[in-house]
Every structure is written in C-alpha cells, then in structure tokens.
Amino acid sequence: MSYSQKNDSIKIQVTDSIEITKIKKTDNELKQNKSDEKVNNLGNKKNRVEKSENQTIEYIKSKWIELLGLLIAILAFFIPIYKYLSQKREEQKDKRFETYHKLIADLVNAPGGMLDRQIATVFEFRNFPDYFELSKRILTDLKNQWDNIPENGRLVSEMNLTIAYIERKMKWYNHLLYMILGIK
C-alpha cells in the first residue's frame, strides 16, 4: 500500500470516528433534552396547579361579598315567614285552649234537657290529643258522679266510649312521642 492510500485509510477511519463521536454526542444531547423537557413539563404542571389554586382563592375572595349579600337576603326572606308561622301556631294553640275549656264548661254547666249537646261535647274531646290525660281524668270523675242518675245512661255510655278511645290513642300517641322525641 502506498503512503497516500494509507493516509486516505487513516482519514476515513478518523472521519468515521469523528462522525461516531458526533452521533453519540447528538444522541446524548437528545436524551438530555428529553429529560429537561420532562422536568419542565412537571414544573409547568406544578405551576398550573398553583395558579389554579391561587385563582380559586382569588375568586372566592372576590365573591364573598356577593355570597354574604345572598345569605342576608335569604335570611331576610325566611325570618318573617318563620315569625308569621310561629305567631299563627301560637294563635291556634290559644284558640284550641279556649275551645277546650268552653267544651268543659258546656259539659259540666249544661242545663237539664241538653243531654244530646253533652253527648256531642264528650265526643268532641277526642279532637284534643294535647289534653287527652286531662280529658280522661275529667270524664272518669264525671262518669262516677253521673253514673247513678238513670237519665244520664247515654251520656255515661258515650263517656265510656270516649275514655276507651283516649286510652287507645294515648298509648299510640305516647309511643310515637317517645320514639320521635324521647318524651314519655
């Protein structure tokens, strides 16, 4: 082999070596770039999450006055309704109290010949579950007093039916109150 052929051969080998080295460097640079991109992507995701959290906090801060106004408006709407319903409930309770006591007065103070009215009054005691205990005691006492009077037979019979009704309902009523409210 001649000198120039050897020199060309060495040049080819050196050139091949340089190209291989360049390829390796390029390959390493690509790997490094991909690694850097992954780190950047993770950093970008973290920044986006932080920005999103900050935006949410800022949004809430900017809307708290509106939310407070809405809450006040809701309360301003419901408080009068609650007061109105409470007042009506108290009025109804007072009216039932007056009606109940009027029934008792009608039963006890009825003049002779008002037997049918007294029977109807005894029957009406069934519509006052709040007063069942008292009604039962009053009817039992009156029944014992009037049981010996023969013309009060129908009235005493209605008293027995109403007392039985009240006893049945009191068991159910008390059981329900106990189950729901824990009241005995």
C-alpha atoms as a PDB file:
ATOM      1  CA  MET A   1       0.000   0.000   0.000  1.00  0.00           C
ATOM      2  CA  SER A   2       1.172   3.353  -0.800  1.00  0.00           C
ATOM      3  CA  TYR A   3       1.531   6.246   1.508  1.00  0.00           C
ATOM      4  CA  SER A   4      -1.401   8.085   0.053  1.00  0.00           C
ATOM      5  CA  GLN A   5      -3.623   5.021   0.349  1.00  0.00           C
ATOM      6  CA  LYS A   6      -2.621   4.630   3.998  1.00  0.00           C
ATOM      7  CA  ASN A   7      -3.240   8.287   4.560  1.00  0.00           C
ATOM      8  CA  ASP A   8      -6.689   8.008   2.919  1.00  0.00           C
ATOM      9  CA  SER A   9      -7.464   4.967   5.019  1.00  0.00           C
ATOM     10  CA  ILE A  10      -6.490   6.787   8.229  1.00  0.00           C
ATOM     11  CA  LYS A  11      -8.512   9.781   7.131  1.00  0.00           C
ATOM     12  CA  ILE A  12     -11.536   7.559   6.591  1.00  0.00           C
ATOM     13  CA  GLN A  13     -11.073   5.941   9.991  1.00  0.00           C
ATOM     14  CA  VAL A  14     -10.616   9.320  11.705  1.00  0.00           C
ATOM     15  CA  THR A  15     -13.619  10.711   9.851  1.00  0.00           C
ATOM     16  CA  ASP A  16     -15.687   7.671  10.834  1.00  0.00           C
ATOM     17  CA  SER A  17     -14.561   8.079  14.448  1.00  0.00           C
ATOM     18  CA  ILE A  18     -15.466  11.757  14.466  1.00  0.00           C
ATOM     19  CA  GLU A  19     -18.875  11.012  12.984  1.00  0.00           C
ATOM     20  CA  ILE A  20     -19.488   8.260  15.523  1.00  0.00           C
ATOM     21  CA  THR A  21     -18.479  10.650  18.307  1.00  0.00           C
ATOM     22  CA  LYS A  22     -20.785  13.315  16.843  1.00  0.00           C
ATOM     23  CA  ILE A  23     -23.640  10.795  16.679  1.00  0.00           C
ATOM     24  CA  LYS A  24     -23.012   9.794  20.311  1.00  0.00           C
ATOM     25  CA  LYS A  25     -22.909  13.444  21.376  1.00  0.00           C
ATOM     26  CA  THR A  26     -26.112  14.168  19.456  1.00  0.00           C
ATOM     27  CA  ASP A  27     -27.756  11.107  20.990  1.00  0.00           C
ATOM     28  CA  ASN A  28     -26.719  12.216  24.494  1.00  0.00           C
ATOM     29  CA  GLU A  29     -27.956  15.737  23.805  1.00  0.00           C
ATOM     30  CA  LEU A  30     -31.334  14.364  22.684  1.00  0.00           C
ATOM     31  CA  LYS A  31     -31.595  12.275  25.837  1.00  0.00           C
ATOM     32  CA  GLN A  32     -30.657  15.307  27.944  1.00  0.00           C
ATOM     33  CA  ASN A  33     -33.204  17.451  26.108  1.00  0.00           C
ATOM     34  CA  LYS A  34     -35.934  14.870  26.713  1.00  0.00           C
ATOM     35  CA  SER A  35     -35.018  14.731  30.391  1.00  0.00           C
ATOM     36  CA  ASP A  36     -35.059  18.527  30.567  1.00  0.00           C
ATOM     37  CA  GLU A  37     -38.460  18.573  28.834  1.00  0.00           C
ATOM     38  CA  LYS A  38     -39.865  16.123  31.394  1.00  0.00           C
ATOM     39  CA  VAL A  39     -38.595  18.284  34.245  1.00  0.00           C
ATOM     40  CA  ASN A  40     -40.034  21.372  32.559  1.00  0.00           C
ATOM     41  CA  ASN A  41     -43.382  19.635  31.999  1.00  0.00           C
ATOM     42  CA  LEU A  42     -43.541  18.643  35.663  1.00  0.00           C
ATOM     43  CA  GLY A  43     -42.646  22.176  36.655  1.00  0.00           C
ATOM     44  CA  ASN A  44     -45.286  23.555  34.295  1.00  0.00           C
ATOM     45  CA  LYS A  45     -47.915  21.222  35.730  1.00  0.00           C
ATOM     46  CA  LYS A  46     -46.979  22.279  39.261  1.00  0.00           C
ATOM     47  CA  ASN A  47     -47.148  25.933  38.236  1.00  0.00           C
ATOM     48  CA  ARG A  48     -50.545  25.378  36.606  1.00  0.00           C
ATOM     49  CA  VAL A  49     -51.883  23.727  39.776  1.00  0.00           C
ATOM     50  CA  GLU A  50     -50.558  26.570  41.914  1.00  0.00           C
ATOM     51  CA  LYS A  51     -52.052  29.124  39.520  1.00  0.00           C
ATOM     52  CA  SER A  52     -55.362  27.263  39.586  1.00  0.00           C
ATOM     53  CA  GLU A  53     -55.380  27.220  43.400  1.00  0.00           C
ATOM     54  CA  ASN A  54     -54.495  30.894  43.512  1.00  0.00           C
ATOM     55  CA  GLN A  55     -57.221  31.706  41.005  1.00  0.00           C
ATOM     56  CA  THR A  56     -59.772  29.758  43.081  1.00  0.00           C
ATOM     57  CA  ILE A  57     -58.771  31.587  46.248  1.00  0.00           C
ATOM     58  CA  GLU A  58     -58.927  34.924  44.459  1.00  0.00           C
ATOM     59  CA  TYR A  59     -62.326  34.049  43.021  1.00  0.00           C
ATOM     60  CA  ILE A  60     -63.672  33.183  46.466  1.00  0.00           C
ATOM     61  CA  LYS A  61     -62.210  36.368  47.918  1.00  0.00           C
ATOM     62  CA  SER A  62     -63.822  38.413  45.172  1.00  0.00           C
ATOM     63  CA  LYS A  63     -67.214  36.710  45.583  1.00  0.00           C
ATOM     64  CA  TRP A  64     -67.503  36.661  49.394  1.00  0.00           C
ATOM     65  CA  ILE A  65     -69.371  39.937  49.469  1.00  0.00           C
ATOM     66  CA  GLU A  66     -71.870  38.624  46.939  1.00  0.00           C
ATOM     67  CA  LEU A  67     -72.270  35.407  48.931  1.00  0.00           C
ATOM     68  CA  LEU A  68     -72.744  37.370  52.135  1.00  0.00           C
ATOM     69  CA  GLY A  69     -75.377  39.519  50.433  1.00  0.00           C
ATOM     70  CA  LEU A  70     -77.169  36.407  49.200  1.00  0.00           C
ATOM     71  CA  LEU A  71     -77.145  34.907  52.690  1.00  0.00           C
ATOM     72  CA  ILE A  72     -78.566  38.106  54.182  1.00  0.00           C
ATOM     73  CA  ALA A  73     -81.287  38.174  51.511  1.00  0.00           C
ATOM     74  CA  ILE A  74     -82.225  34.561  52.253  1.00  0.00           C
ATOM     75  CA  LEU A  75     -82.398  35.272  55.981  1.00  0.00           C
ATOM     76  CA  ALA A  76     -84.413  38.424  55.352  1.00  0.00           C
ATOM     77  CA  PHE A  77     -86.896  36.300  53.407  1.00  0.00           C
ATOM     78  CA  PHE A  78     -87.209  33.382  55.838  1.00  0.00           C
ATOM     79  CA  ILE A  79     -87.182  35.170  59.209  1.00  0.00           C
ATOM     80  CA  PRO A  80     -90.530  36.938  58.660  1.00  0.00           C
ATOM     81  CA  ILE A  81     -92.047  33.697  57.381  1.00  0.00           C
ATOM     82  CA  TYR A  82     -90.836  31.890  60.492  1.00  0.00           C
ATOM     83  CA  LYS A  83     -92.192  34.629  62.746  1.00  0.00           C
ATOM     84  CA  TYR A  84     -95.534  34.593  60.934  1.00  0.00           C
ATOM     85  CA  LEU A  85     -95.856  30.808  61.214  1.00  0.00           C
ATOM     86  CA  SER A  86     -94.851  30.874  64.884  1.00  0.00           C
ATOM     87  CA  GLN A  87     -97.415  33.561  65.605  1.00  0.00           C
ATOM     88  CA  LYS A  88    -100.147  31.624  63.780  1.00  0.00           C
ATOM     89  CA  ARG A  89     -99.204  28.461  65.660  1.00  0.00           C
ATOM     90  CA  GLU A  90     -99.490  30.323  68.986  1.00  0.00           C
ATOM     91  CA  GLU A  91    -102.837  31.818  67.978  1.00  0.00           C
ATOM     92  CA  GLN A  92    -104.115  28.391  67.005  1.00  0.00           C
ATOM     93  CA  LYS A  93    -102.883  26.940  70.290  1.00  0.00           C
ATOM     94  CA  ASP A  94    -104.675  29.710  72.224  1.00  0.00           C
ATOM     95  CA  LYS A  95    -107.851  29.150  70.213  1.00  0.00           C
ATOM     96  CA  ARG A  96    -107.765  25.392  70.898  1.00  0.00           C
ATOM     97  CA  PHE A  97    -107.231  26.136  74.607  1.00  0.00           C
ATOM     98  CA  GLU A  98    -110.284  28.410  74.680  1.00  0.00           C
ATOM     99  CA  THR A  99    -112.373  25.909  72.702  1.00  0.00           C
ATOM    100  CA  TYR A 100    -111.402  23.047  75.009  1.00  0.00           C
ATOM    101  CA  HIS A 101    -112.305  24.989  78.140  1.00  0.00           C
ATOM    102  CA  LYS A 102    -115.590  26.056  76.564  1.00  0.00           C
ATOM    103  CA  LEU A 103    -116.363  22.359  75.907  1.00  0.00           C
ATOM    104  CA  ILE A 104    -115.701  21.540  79.552  1.00  0.00           C
ATOM    105  CA  ALA A 105    -117.969  24.395  80.669  1.00  0.00           C
ATOM    106  CA  ASP A 106    -120.682  23.214  78.248  1.00  0.00           C
ATOM    107  CA  LEU A 107    -120.446  19.667  79.579  1.00  0.00           C
ATOM    108  CA  VAL A 108    -120.475  20.499  83.269  1.00  0.00           C
ATOM    109  CA  ASN A 109    -122.788  23.513  83.280  1.00  0.00           C
ATOM    110  CA  ALA A 110    -125.395  22.319  80.763  1.00  0.00           C
ATOM    111  CA  PRO A 111    -128.939  22.835  81.986  1.00  0.00           C
ATOM    112  CA  GLY A 112    -131.353  19.911  82.073  1.00  0.00           C
ATOM    113  CA  GLY A 113    -132.619  18.706  78.721  1.00  0.00           C
ATOM    114  CA  MET A 114    -129.314  19.331  76.986  1.00  0.00           C
ATOM    115  CA  LEU A 115    -128.313  15.667  77.044  1.00  0.00           C
ATOM    116  CA  ASP A 116    -127.619  15.440  73.287  1.00  0.00           C
ATOM    117  CA  ARG A 117    -125.410  18.501  73.459  1.00  0.00           C
ATOM    118  CA  GLN A 118    -123.475  16.967  76.364  1.00  0.00           C
ATOM    119  CA  ILE A 119    -123.036  13.720  74.419  1.00  0.00           C
ATOM    120  CA  ALA A 120    -121.683  15.691  71.439  1.00  0.00           C
ATOM    121  CA  THR A 121    -119.376  17.597  73.777  1.00  0.00           C
ATOM    122  CA  VAL A 122    -117.998  14.345  75.236  1.00  0.00           C
ATOM    123  CA  PHE A 123    -117.416  13.088  71.697  1.00  0.00           C
ATOM    124  CA  GLU A 124    -115.533  16.315  70.807  1.00  0.00           C
ATOM    125  CA  PHE A 125    -112.935  15.601  73.494  1.00  0.00           C
ATOM    126  CA  ARG A 126    -111.484  13.094  71.007  1.00  0.00           C
ATOM    127  CA  ASN A 127    -110.266  16.019  68.862  1.00  0.00           C
ATOM    128  CA  PHE A 128    -107.921  17.373  71.536  1.00  0.00           C
ATOM    129  CA  PRO A 129    -104.956  14.979  71.806  1.00  0.00           C
ATOM    130  CA  ASP A 130    -102.910  17.581  73.704  1.00  0.00           C
ATOM    131  CA  TYR A 131    -105.466  17.325  76.530  1.00  0.00           C
ATOM    132  CA  PHE A 132    -106.042  13.539  76.494  1.00  0.00           C
ATOM    133  CA  GLU A 133    -104.721  12.968  80.011  1.00  0.00           C
ATOM    134  CA  LEU A 134    -106.862  15.732  81.496  1.00  0.00           C
ATOM    135  CA  SER A 135    -109.904  14.729  79.443  1.00  0.00           C
ATOM    136  CA  LYS A 136    -109.612  11.168  80.663  1.00  0.00           C
ATOM    137  CA  ARG A 137    -109.474  12.267  84.320  1.00  0.00           C
ATOM    138  CA  ILE A 138    -112.384  14.708  83.923  1.00  0.00           C
ATOM    139  CA  LEU A 139    -114.565  12.180  82.095  1.00  0.00           C
ATOM    140  CA  THR A 140    -113.771   9.440  84.609  1.00  0.00           C
ATOM    141  CA  ASP A 141    -114.701  11.694  87.538  1.00  0.00           C
ATOM    142  CA  LEU A 142    -117.906  12.934  85.869  1.00  0.00           C
ATOM    143  CA  LYS A 143    -118.841   9.367  84.881  1.00  0.00           C
ATOM    144  CA  ASN A 144    -118.505   8.272  88.514  1.00  0.00           C
ATOM    145  CA  GLN A 145    -120.688  11.212  89.631  1.00  0.00           C
ATOM    146  CA  TRP A 146    -123.369  10.781  86.948  1.00  0.00           C
ATOM    147  CA  ASP A 147    -123.391   7.001  86.733  1.00  0.00           C
ATOM    148  CA  ASN A 148    -126.142   6.743  89.379  1.00  0.00           C
ATOM    149  CA  ILE A 149    -128.519   9.097  87.535  1.00  0.00           C
ATOM    150  CA  PRO A 150    -130.718   6.987  85.224  1.00  0.00           C
ATOM    151  CA  GLU A 151    -131.403   9.700  82.622  1.00  0.00           C
ATOM    152  CA  ASN A 152    -127.610  10.058  82.031  1.00  0.00           C
ATOM    153  CA  GLY A 153    -127.298   6.485  80.676  1.00  0.00           C
ATOM    154  CA  ARG A 154    -126.490   7.560  77.081  1.00  0.00           C
ATOM    155  CA  LEU A 155    -124.084  10.225  78.337  1.00  0.00           C
ATOM    156  CA  VAL A 156    -122.235   7.733  80.561  1.00  0.00           C
ATOM    157  CA  SER A 157    -122.110   5.289  77.646  1.00  0.00           C
ATOM    158  CA  GLU A 158    -120.534   7.976  75.424  1.00  0.00           C
ATOM    159  CA  MET A 159    -118.096   8.792  78.226  1.00  0.00           C
ATOM    160  CA  ASN A 160    -117.026   5.128  78.358  1.00  0.00           C
ATOM    161  CA  LEU A 161    -116.503   5.090  74.567  1.00  0.00           C
ATOM    162  CA  THR A 162    -114.524   8.328  74.654  1.00  0.00           C
ATOM    163  CA  ILE A 163    -112.383   7.156  77.597  1.00  0.00           C
ATOM    164  CA  ALA A 164    -111.621   3.912  75.722  1.00  0.00           C
ATOM    165  CA  TYR A 165    -110.748   5.921  72.594  1.00  0.00           C
ATOM    166  CA  ILE A 166    -108.477   8.241  74.574  1.00  0.00           C
ATOM    167  CA  GLU A 167    -106.718   5.306  76.248  1.00  0.00           C
ATOM    168  CA  ARG A 168    -106.097   3.670  72.870  1.00  0.00           C
ATOM    169  CA  LYS A 169    -104.791   6.890  71.348  1.00  0.00           C
ATOM    170  CA  MET A 170    -102.717   7.769  74.401  1.00  0.00           C
ATOM    171  CA  LYS A 171    -100.817   4.505  74.078  1.00  0.00           C
ATOM    172  CA  TRP A 172    -100.159   5.184  70.399  1.00  0.00           C
ATOM    173  CA  TYR A 173     -99.614   8.918  70.939  1.00  0.00           C
ATOM    174  CA  ASN A 174     -97.182   8.391  73.825  1.00  0.00           C
ATOM    175  CA  HIS A 175     -95.362   5.676  71.949  1.00  0.00           C
ATOM    176  CA  LEU A 176     -94.959   7.943  68.928  1.00  0.00           C
ATOM    177  CA  LEU A 177     -93.715  10.853  71.043  1.00  0.00           C
ATOM    178  CA  TYR A 178     -91.304   8.560  72.850  1.00  0.00           C
ATOM    179  CA  MET A 179     -89.975   7.156  69.583  1.00  0.00           C
ATOM    180  CA  ILE A 180     -89.584  10.519  67.856  1.00  0.00           C
ATOM    181  CA  LEU A 181     -88.759  12.947  70.632  1.00  0.00           C
ATOM    182  CA  GLY A 182     -87.844  10.749  73.564  1.00  0.00           C
ATOM    183  CA  ILE A 183     -90.744  12.242  75.576  1.00  0.00           C
ATOM    184  CA  LYS A 184     -92.627   9.917  77.851  1.00  0.00           C
END
